Amino acid sequence: MAKFAVIVVAAGKSERFEGKEKKIFAKISDRPLFIRTLEHFINREDVCQTILVVAPEDQNHMKEKYAANLAFMGVKLVEGGAERPDSVANGLEAAQEDADYVAVHDAARTCVTEAMIDAVFAEAVKSWAAILAATFRGTIKRGSDAGVIDQTVPRENLWEAQTPQVFKRSVIVEAYEKRGEFEGLPTDDAQLVEAAGHPVSLVESDFSNLKITTRSDITLAQAIIRSRPKVAPKGPRMPFEEAQW
């Protein structure tokens, strides 16, 4: 069985998320968002390591309130960098040598399903690079700086990239080694892998794999989760309350 190291990126600034707390600590059904996301990976037989990358300013809060939870789940805590690629690079450095593949997942995509993960993991084993993505169904407009329609863009072959994005370990390591050759700031890991010359397969998902960005997205995520059939959890479970000292 192929082994996967999963890097859950939770080092963003949450600039569009209203309120005092960052979105990774926002509660969904009484559990912090980041814990709900980690739960998708920690009990999978094909996952040999789960890494949580958190911003430097959140390290103390994470350790003070959730150290016991992370220890129980076997999650390795890693400090993030200035930009998302820096955070992923730090996660890559912490990945175990026995991991055949590396999956990168946004902590904010807590609505991902087991079936979605199964599909993108399986495709990555075949092609060495695969991402979840959803096709556009509406009419796509390109706007001008003046706020008017500049162009109607054909939606054929247009996809919105999602996570997990999964790569053969050697493929993503090589892509990050060549990161200095990339012009500008890549918006996802697949972009770096593409630039390094490796094709990336698309695995069709849907827009229920929501990326939580604003506080109103919490309500939508809760509705998505409640609408799905209840699935019996795999492996050991515990109440995910804040650690008591």
C-alpha atoms as a PDB file:
ATOM      1  CA  MET A   1       0.000   0.000   0.000  1.00  0.00           C
ATOM      2  CA  ALA A   2       1.285   3.452  -0.931  1.00  0.00           C
ATOM      3  CA  LYS A   3       1.939   5.705   2.036  1.00  0.00           C
ATOM      4  CA  PHE A   4       0.857   9.343   2.149  1.00  0.00           C
ATOM      5  CA  ALA A   5       2.080  12.237   4.268  1.00  0.00           C
ATOM      6  CA  VAL A   6      -0.654  14.859   4.571  1.00  0.00           C
ATOM      7  CA  ILE A   7       0.220  18.528   5.057  1.00  0.00           C
ATOM      8  CA  VAL A   8      -2.757  20.505   6.355  1.00  0.00           C
ATOM      9  CA  VAL A   9      -2.047  24.193   5.799  1.00  0.00           C
ATOM     10  CA  ALA A  10      -3.544  26.445   8.480  1.00  0.00           C
ATOM     11  CA  ALA A  11      -1.096  29.357   8.431  1.00  0.00           C
ATOM     12  CA  GLY A  12      -3.215  31.968   6.672  1.00  0.00           C
ATOM     13  CA  LYS A  13      -3.991  35.421   8.055  1.00  0.00           C
ATOM     14  CA  SER A  14      -7.806  35.083   7.802  1.00  0.00           C
ATOM     15  CA  GLU A  15      -8.021  38.676   6.576  1.00  0.00           C
ATOM     16  CA  ARG A  16     -11.537  38.231   5.145  1.00  0.00           C
ATOM     17  CA  PHE A  17     -12.865  36.342   8.159  1.00  0.00           C
ATOM     18  CA  GLU A  18     -14.667  38.759  10.461  1.00  0.00           C
ATOM     19  CA  GLY A  19     -14.182  38.634  14.211  1.00  0.00           C
ATOM     20  CA  LYS A  20     -11.353  38.364  16.693  1.00  0.00           C
ATOM     21  CA  GLU A  21     -10.540  34.698  16.132  1.00  0.00           C
ATOM     22  CA  LYS A  22      -8.918  33.223  13.043  1.00  0.00           C
ATOM     23  CA  LYS A  23     -11.082  30.932  10.950  1.00  0.00           C
ATOM     24  CA  ILE A  24      -9.102  27.801  11.848  1.00  0.00           C
ATOM     25  CA  PHE A  25     -10.354  28.181  15.439  1.00  0.00           C
ATOM     26  CA  ALA A  26     -13.974  28.874  14.487  1.00  0.00           C
ATOM     27  CA  LYS A  27     -16.340  26.187  15.748  1.00  0.00           C
ATOM     28  CA  ILE A  28     -18.348  23.918  13.466  1.00  0.00           C
ATOM     29  CA  SER A  29     -20.719  21.739  15.493  1.00  0.00           C
ATOM     30  CA  ASP A  30     -18.742  22.457  18.665  1.00  0.00           C
ATOM     31  CA  ARG A  31     -15.346  21.514  17.209  1.00  0.00           C
ATOM     32  CA  PRO A  32     -12.685  23.858  15.821  1.00  0.00           C
ATOM     33  CA  LEU A  33     -12.505  23.914  12.044  1.00  0.00           C
ATOM     34  CA  PHE A  34      -8.901  22.687  11.916  1.00  0.00           C
ATOM     35  CA  ILE A  35      -9.712  19.636  14.045  1.00  0.00           C
ATOM     36  CA  ARG A  36     -12.665  18.722  11.848  1.00  0.00           C
ATOM     37  CA  THR A  37     -10.341  18.876   8.847  1.00  0.00           C
ATOM     38  CA  LEU A  38      -7.628  16.770  10.484  1.00  0.00           C
ATOM     39  CA  GLU A  39     -10.209  14.094  11.282  1.00  0.00           C
ATOM     40  CA  HIS A  40     -10.525  13.294   7.582  1.00  0.00           C
ATOM     41  CA  PHE A  41      -6.939  11.983   7.506  1.00  0.00           C
ATOM     42  CA  ILE A  42      -5.759  10.770  10.902  1.00  0.00           C
ATOM     43  CA  ASN A  43      -7.424   7.342  10.807  1.00  0.00           C
ATOM     44  CA  ARG A  44      -6.767   6.448   7.158  1.00  0.00           C
ATOM     45  CA  GLU A  45      -4.673   3.316   6.754  1.00  0.00           C
ATOM     46  CA  ASP A  46      -2.775   4.858   3.825  1.00  0.00           C
ATOM     47  CA  VAL A  47      -1.767   7.998   5.760  1.00  0.00           C
ATOM     48  CA  CYS A  48       1.523   7.515   7.587  1.00  0.00           C
ATOM     49  CA  GLN A  49       1.833  11.096   8.857  1.00  0.00           C
ATOM     50  CA  THR A  50      -0.368  14.156   9.322  1.00  0.00           C
ATOM     51  CA  ILE A  51       1.311  17.568   9.589  1.00  0.00           C
ATOM     52  CA  LEU A  52      -0.449  20.753  10.685  1.00  0.00           C
ATOM     53  CA  VAL A  53       1.244  23.985   9.561  1.00  0.00           C
ATOM     54  CA  VAL A  54       0.270  26.989  11.678  1.00  0.00           C
ATOM     55  CA  ALA A  55       1.336  30.641  11.586  1.00  0.00           C
ATOM     56  CA  PRO A  56       4.079  31.643  14.047  1.00  0.00           C
ATOM     57  CA  GLU A  57       1.690  33.917  15.967  1.00  0.00           C
ATOM     58  CA  ASP A  58      -0.708  30.995  16.531  1.00  0.00           C
ATOM     59  CA  GLN A  59       1.858  28.499  17.808  1.00  0.00           C
ATOM     60  CA  ASN A  60       1.475  29.327  21.499  1.00  0.00           C
ATOM     61  CA  HIS A  61      -2.318  29.331  21.349  1.00  0.00           C
ATOM     62  CA  MET A  62      -2.285  25.977  19.563  1.00  0.00           C
ATOM     63  CA  LYS A  63       0.092  24.432  22.083  1.00  0.00           C
ATOM     64  CA  GLU A  64      -1.694  25.850  25.134  1.00  0.00           C
ATOM     65  CA  LYS A  65      -5.226  24.815  24.163  1.00  0.00           C
ATOM     66  CA  TYR A  66      -4.876  21.909  21.743  1.00  0.00           C
ATOM     67  CA  ALA A  67      -1.585  20.149  22.533  1.00  0.00           C
ATOM     68  CA  ALA A  68      -3.400  17.166  24.054  1.00  0.00           C
ATOM     69  CA  ASN A  69      -5.698  16.864  21.026  1.00  0.00           C
ATOM     70  CA  LEU A  70      -2.807  16.965  18.550  1.00  0.00           C
ATOM     71  CA  ALA A  71      -0.828  14.441  20.589  1.00  0.00           C
ATOM     72  CA  PHE A  72      -3.804  12.046  20.715  1.00  0.00           C
ATOM     73  CA  MET A  73      -4.299  12.342  16.959  1.00  0.00           C
ATOM     74  CA  GLY A  74      -0.578  11.918  16.285  1.00  0.00           C
ATOM     75  CA  VAL A  75      -0.370  15.233  14.430  1.00  0.00           C
ATOM     76  CA  LYS A  76       2.979  16.962  13.984  1.00  0.00           C
ATOM     77  CA  LEU A  77       2.836  20.743  14.488  1.00  0.00           C
ATOM     78  CA  VAL A  78       5.019  22.829  12.151  1.00  0.00           C
ATOM     79  CA  GLU A  79       5.546  26.588  11.976  1.00  0.00           C
ATOM     80  CA  GLY A  80       4.371  28.314   8.815  1.00  0.00           C
ATOM     81  CA  GLY A  81       6.151  30.891   6.696  1.00  0.00           C
ATOM     82  CA  ALA A  82       5.466  34.330   5.271  1.00  0.00           C
ATOM     83  CA  GLU A  83       3.478  33.019   2.284  1.00  0.00           C
ATOM     84  CA  ARG A  84       1.605  29.788   1.575  1.00  0.00           C
ATOM     85  CA  PRO A  85       4.437  28.209  -0.481  1.00  0.00           C
ATOM     86  CA  ASP A  86       6.789  28.877   2.442  1.00  0.00           C
ATOM     87  CA  SER A  87       4.386  27.070   4.767  1.00  0.00           C
ATOM     88  CA  VAL A  88       4.114  24.079   2.437  1.00  0.00           C
ATOM     89  CA  ALA A  89       7.912  24.000   2.098  1.00  0.00           C
ATOM     90  CA  ASN A  90       8.214  23.817   5.894  1.00  0.00           C
ATOM     91  CA  GLY A  91       5.709  20.971   5.914  1.00  0.00           C
ATOM     92  CA  LEU A  92       7.684  19.143   3.223  1.00  0.00           C
ATOM     93  CA  GLU A  93      10.833  19.359   5.314  1.00  0.00           C
ATOM     94  CA  ALA A  94       8.971  17.682   8.181  1.00  0.00           C
ATOM     95  CA  ALA A  95       7.563  14.841   6.064  1.00  0.00           C
ATOM     96  CA  GLN A  96       8.715  11.342   6.939  1.00  0.00           C
ATOM     97  CA  GLU A  97      11.136   9.612   4.601  1.00  0.00           C
ATOM     98  CA  ASP A  98       8.851   6.596   4.257  1.00  0.00           C
ATOM     99  CA  ALA A  99       6.047   8.658   2.671  1.00  0.00           C
ATOM    100  CA  ASP A 100       5.682   7.735  -1.004  1.00  0.00           C
ATOM    101  CA  TYR A 101       3.288  10.604  -1.738  1.00  0.00           C
ATOM    102  CA  VAL A 102       2.560  14.007  -0.247  1.00  0.00           C
ATOM    103  CA  ALA A 103      -0.938  15.473  -0.076  1.00  0.00           C
ATOM    104  CA  VAL A 104      -1.438  19.179   0.600  1.00  0.00           C
ATOM    105  CA  HIS A 105      -4.824  20.223   1.937  1.00  0.00           C
ATOM    106  CA  ASP A 106      -6.276  23.551   3.049  1.00  0.00           C
ATOM    107  CA  ALA A 107      -7.463  23.478   6.649  1.00  0.00           C
ATOM    108  CA  ALA A 108     -10.341  25.667   5.464  1.00  0.00           C
ATOM    109  CA  ARG A 109     -11.728  22.841   3.270  1.00  0.00           C
ATOM    110  CA  THR A 110     -13.349  20.922   6.088  1.00  0.00           C
ATOM    111  CA  CYS A 111     -16.223  19.688   3.868  1.00  0.00           C
ATOM    112  CA  VAL A 112     -14.049  17.340   1.820  1.00  0.00           C
ATOM    113  CA  THR A 113     -15.358  13.768   1.827  1.00  0.00           C
ATOM    114  CA  GLU A 114     -13.723  10.376   2.159  1.00  0.00           C
ATOM    115  CA  ALA A 115     -14.798   9.547  -1.401  1.00  0.00           C
ATOM    116  CA  MET A 116     -13.088  12.688  -2.738  1.00  0.00           C
ATOM    117  CA  ILE A 117      -9.885  11.826  -0.886  1.00  0.00           C
ATOM    118  CA  ASP A 118     -10.011   8.211  -2.080  1.00  0.00           C
ATOM    119  CA  ALA A 119     -10.374   9.349  -5.693  1.00  0.00           C
ATOM    120  CA  VAL A 120      -7.538  11.879  -5.734  1.00  0.00           C
ATOM    121  CA  PHE A 121      -5.193   9.561  -3.807  1.00  0.00           C
ATOM    122  CA  ALA A 122      -5.863   6.764  -6.320  1.00  0.00           C
ATOM    123  CA  GLU A 123      -5.241   9.033  -9.313  1.00  0.00           C
ATOM    124  CA  ALA A 124      -1.999  10.332  -7.800  1.00  0.00           C
ATOM    125  CA  VAL A 125      -0.708   6.766  -7.532  1.00  0.00           C
ATOM    126  CA  LYS A 126      -1.403   6.336 -11.262  1.00  0.00           C
ATOM    127  CA  SER A 127      -0.171   9.682 -12.602  1.00  0.00           C
ATOM    128  CA  TRP A 128       2.105  10.931  -9.770  1.00  0.00           C
ATOM    129  CA  ALA A 129       0.279  14.265  -9.641  1.00  0.00           C
ATOM    130  CA  ALA A 130      -3.454  14.881  -9.161  1.00  0.00           C
ATOM    131  CA  ILE A 131      -5.768  17.500  -7.708  1.00  0.00           C
ATOM    132  CA  LEU A 132      -9.438  17.764  -6.897  1.00  0.00           C
ATOM    133  CA  ALA A 133     -11.234  20.304  -9.064  1.00  0.00           C
ATOM    134  CA  ALA A 134     -14.778  21.330  -9.964  1.00  0.00           C
ATOM    135  CA  THR A 135     -16.089  22.308 -13.369  1.00  0.00           C
ATOM    136  CA  PHE A 136     -17.853  25.645 -13.830  1.00  0.00           C
ATOM    137  CA  ARG A 137     -21.545  25.415 -14.691  1.00  0.00           C
ATOM    138  CA  GLY A 138     -22.585  29.063 -14.830  1.00  0.00           C
ATOM    139  CA  THR A 139     -21.685  31.771 -17.329  1.00  0.00           C
ATOM    140  CA  ILE A 140     -18.229  33.166 -16.634  1.00  0.00           C
ATOM    141  CA  LYS A 141     -17.638  36.916 -16.978  1.00  0.00           C
ATOM    142  CA  ARG A 142     -14.328  38.738 -16.905  1.00  0.00           C
ATOM    143  CA  GLY A 143     -14.736  42.178 -15.352  1.00  0.00           C
ATOM    144  CA  SER A 144     -12.821  45.361 -16.042  1.00  0.00           C
ATOM    145  CA  ASP A 145     -11.272  47.683 -13.469  1.00  0.00           C
ATOM    146  CA  ALA A 146     -14.314  49.914 -13.960  1.00  0.00           C
ATOM    147  CA  GLY A 147     -16.603  47.154 -12.706  1.00  0.00           C
ATOM    148  CA  VAL A 148     -18.286  46.323 -15.998  1.00  0.00           C
ATOM    149  CA  ILE A 149     -18.195  43.151 -18.099  1.00  0.00           C
ATOM    150  CA  ASP A 150     -15.083  43.055 -20.230  1.00  0.00           C
ATOM    151  CA  GLN A 151     -15.528  39.576 -21.688  1.00  0.00           C
ATOM    152  CA  THR A 152     -17.738  36.504 -21.508  1.00  0.00           C
ATOM    153  CA  VAL A 153     -15.366  33.571 -21.095  1.00  0.00           C
ATOM    154  CA  PRO A 154     -16.288  30.137 -22.513  1.00  0.00           C
ATOM    155  CA  ARG A 155     -16.581  27.761 -19.567  1.00  0.00           C
ATOM    156  CA  GLU A 156     -15.570  24.649 -21.495  1.00  0.00           C
ATOM    157  CA  ASN A 157     -12.462  23.069 -19.964  1.00  0.00           C
ATOM    158  CA  LEU A 158     -12.431  25.583 -17.084  1.00  0.00           C
ATOM    159  CA  TRP A 159     -11.932  24.104 -13.614  1.00  0.00           C
ATOM    160  CA  GLU A 160     -11.644  25.543 -10.120  1.00  0.00           C
ATOM    161  CA  ALA A 161      -8.710  23.936  -8.342  1.00  0.00           C
ATOM    162  CA  GLN A 162      -9.350  22.480  -4.887  1.00  0.00           C
ATOM    163  CA  THR A 163      -7.466  20.410  -2.351  1.00  0.00           C
ATOM    164  CA  PRO A 164      -6.211  17.846  -1.559  1.00  0.00           C
ATOM    165  CA  GLN A 165      -3.496  18.171  -4.172  1.00  0.00           C
ATOM    166  CA  VAL A 166      -1.444  14.989  -4.168  1.00  0.00           C
ATOM    167  CA  PHE A 167       1.986  14.287  -5.630  1.00  0.00           C
ATOM    168  CA  LYS A 168       4.661  11.651  -5.746  1.00  0.00           C
ATOM    169  CA  ARG A 169       7.140  12.791  -3.114  1.00  0.00           C
ATOM    170  CA  SER A 170       9.976  13.202  -5.616  1.00  0.00           C
ATOM    171  CA  VAL A 171       7.725  15.277  -7.926  1.00  0.00           C
ATOM    172  CA  ILE A 172       6.711  17.886  -5.353  1.00  0.00           C
ATOM    173  CA  VAL A 173      10.187  18.016  -3.817  1.00  0.00           C
ATOM    174  CA  GLU A 174      11.663  18.753  -7.249  1.00  0.00           C
ATOM    175  CA  ALA A 175       9.003  21.409  -7.901  1.00  0.00           C
ATOM    176  CA  TYR A 176       9.843  23.177  -4.655  1.00  0.00           C
ATOM    177  CA  GLU A 177      13.556  22.957  -5.354  1.00  0.00           C
ATOM    178  CA  LYS A 178      12.838  24.908  -8.571  1.00  0.00           C
ATOM    179  CA  ARG A 179      10.581  27.427  -6.825  1.00  0.00           C
ATOM    180  CA  GLY A 180      13.155  30.176  -7.236  1.00  0.00           C
ATOM    181  CA  GLU A 181      12.729  29.954 -11.019  1.00  0.00           C
ATOM    182  CA  PHE A 182       8.981  30.649 -10.777  1.00  0.00           C
ATOM    183  CA  GLU A 183       7.929  34.216 -11.574  1.00  0.00           C
ATOM    184  CA  GLY A 184       5.513  35.687  -9.074  1.00  0.00           C
ATOM    185  CA  LEU A 185       3.700  33.896  -6.249  1.00  0.00           C
ATOM    186  CA  PRO A 186       2.108  30.536  -7.111  1.00  0.00           C
ATOM    187  CA  THR A 187      -1.489  30.223  -5.946  1.00  0.00           C
ATOM    188  CA  ASP A 188      -1.358  26.468  -5.433  1.00  0.00           C
ATOM    189  CA  ASP A 189       1.108  23.606  -5.432  1.00  0.00           C
ATOM    190  CA  ALA A 190      -0.065  22.221  -8.764  1.00  0.00           C
ATOM    191  CA  GLN A 191       1.124  25.445 -10.407  1.00  0.00           C
ATOM    192  CA  LEU A 192       4.677  24.779  -9.229  1.00  0.00           C
ATOM    193  CA  VAL A 193       4.502  21.158 -10.368  1.00  0.00           C
ATOM    194  CA  GLU A 194       3.192  22.270 -13.793  1.00  0.00           C
ATOM    195  CA  ALA A 195       6.036  24.794 -14.077  1.00  0.00           C
ATOM    196  CA  ALA A 196       8.528  22.027 -13.287  1.00  0.00           C
ATOM    197  CA  GLY A 197       7.254  20.167 -16.350  1.00  0.00           C
ATOM    198  CA  HIS A 198       5.092  17.462 -14.809  1.00  0.00           C
ATOM    199  CA  PRO A 199       1.460  17.044 -15.993  1.00  0.00           C
ATOM    200  CA  VAL A 200      -1.196  17.219 -13.271  1.00  0.00           C
ATOM    201  CA  SER A 201      -4.381  15.156 -13.509  1.00  0.00           C
ATOM    202  CA  LEU A 202      -7.802  16.587 -12.687  1.00  0.00           C
ATOM    203  CA  VAL A 203     -10.109  14.564 -10.457  1.00  0.00           C
ATOM    204  CA  GLU A 204     -13.650  15.869 -10.624  1.00  0.00           C
ATOM    205  CA  SER A 205     -15.113  17.089  -7.363  1.00  0.00           C
ATOM    206  CA  ASP A 206     -17.956  19.524  -6.733  1.00  0.00           C
ATOM    207  CA  PHE A 207     -18.473  22.841  -5.017  1.00  0.00           C
ATOM    208  CA  SER A 208     -19.536  21.229  -1.738  1.00  0.00           C
ATOM    209  CA  ASN A 209     -15.778  20.967  -1.130  1.00  0.00           C
ATOM    210  CA  LEU A 210     -16.053  24.541   0.046  1.00  0.00           C
ATOM    211  CA  LYS A 211     -13.095  26.657   1.079  1.00  0.00           C
ATOM    212  CA  ILE A 212     -14.190  28.652   4.119  1.00  0.00           C
ATOM    213  CA  THR A 213     -13.141  32.256   3.604  1.00  0.00           C
ATOM    214  CA  THR A 214     -15.713  34.484   5.327  1.00  0.00           C
ATOM    215  CA  ARG A 215     -17.695  33.935   8.515  1.00  0.00           C
ATOM    216  CA  SER A 216     -20.870  33.360   6.512  1.00  0.00           C
ATOM    217  CA  ASP A 217     -19.174  30.314   4.955  1.00  0.00           C
ATOM    218  CA  ILE A 218     -19.325  28.640   8.386  1.00  0.00           C
ATOM    219  CA  THR A 219     -23.107  28.504   8.150  1.00  0.00           C
ATOM    220  CA  LEU A 220     -22.889  27.047   4.642  1.00  0.00           C
ATOM    221  CA  ALA A 221     -20.327  24.455   5.736  1.00  0.00           C
ATOM    222  CA  GLN A 222     -22.534  23.380   8.627  1.00  0.00           C
ATOM    223  CA  ALA A 223     -25.472  22.948   6.247  1.00  0.00           C
ATOM    224  CA  ILE A 224     -23.347  20.839   3.872  1.00  0.00           C
ATOM    225  CA  ILE A 225     -22.130  18.615   6.703  1.00  0.00           C
ATOM    226  CA  ARG A 226     -25.620  18.152   8.165  1.00  0.00           C
ATOM    227  CA  SER A 227     -27.052  17.232   4.754  1.00  0.00           C
ATOM    228  CA  ARG A 228     -24.715  14.268   4.344  1.00  0.00           C
ATOM    229  CA  PRO A 229     -25.447  10.750   5.602  1.00  0.00           C
ATOM    230  CA  LYS A 230     -23.899   9.948   8.950  1.00  0.00           C
ATOM    231  CA  VAL A 231     -20.810   7.788   8.577  1.00  0.00           C
ATOM    232  CA  ALA A 232     -19.453   5.708  11.430  1.00  0.00           C
ATOM    233  CA  PRO A 233     -15.994   6.997  12.408  1.00  0.00           C
ATOM    234  CA  LYS A 234     -12.904   4.855  11.855  1.00  0.00           C
ATOM    235  CA  GLY A 235     -10.383   4.283  14.604  1.00  0.00           C
ATOM    236  CA  PRO A 236     -10.341   5.701  18.135  1.00  0.00           C
ATOM    237  CA  ARG A 237     -12.395   8.779  18.969  1.00  0.00           C
ATOM    238  CA  MET A 238     -12.357  11.268  21.812  1.00  0.00           C
ATOM    239  CA  PRO A 239     -14.229  14.447  22.722  1.00  0.00           C
ATOM    240  CA  PHE A 240     -12.252  17.277  21.158  1.00  0.00           C
ATOM    241  CA  GLU A 241     -12.457  19.798  23.954  1.00  0.00           C
ATOM    242  CA  GLU A 242      -9.725  22.240  24.857  1.00  0.00           C
ATOM    243  CA  ALA A 243      -6.936  20.604  26.826  1.00  0.00           C
ATOM    244  CA  GLN A 244      -7.312  20.873  30.603  1.00  0.00           C
ATOM    245  CA  TRP A 245      -4.174  21.471  32.585  1.00  0.00           C
END
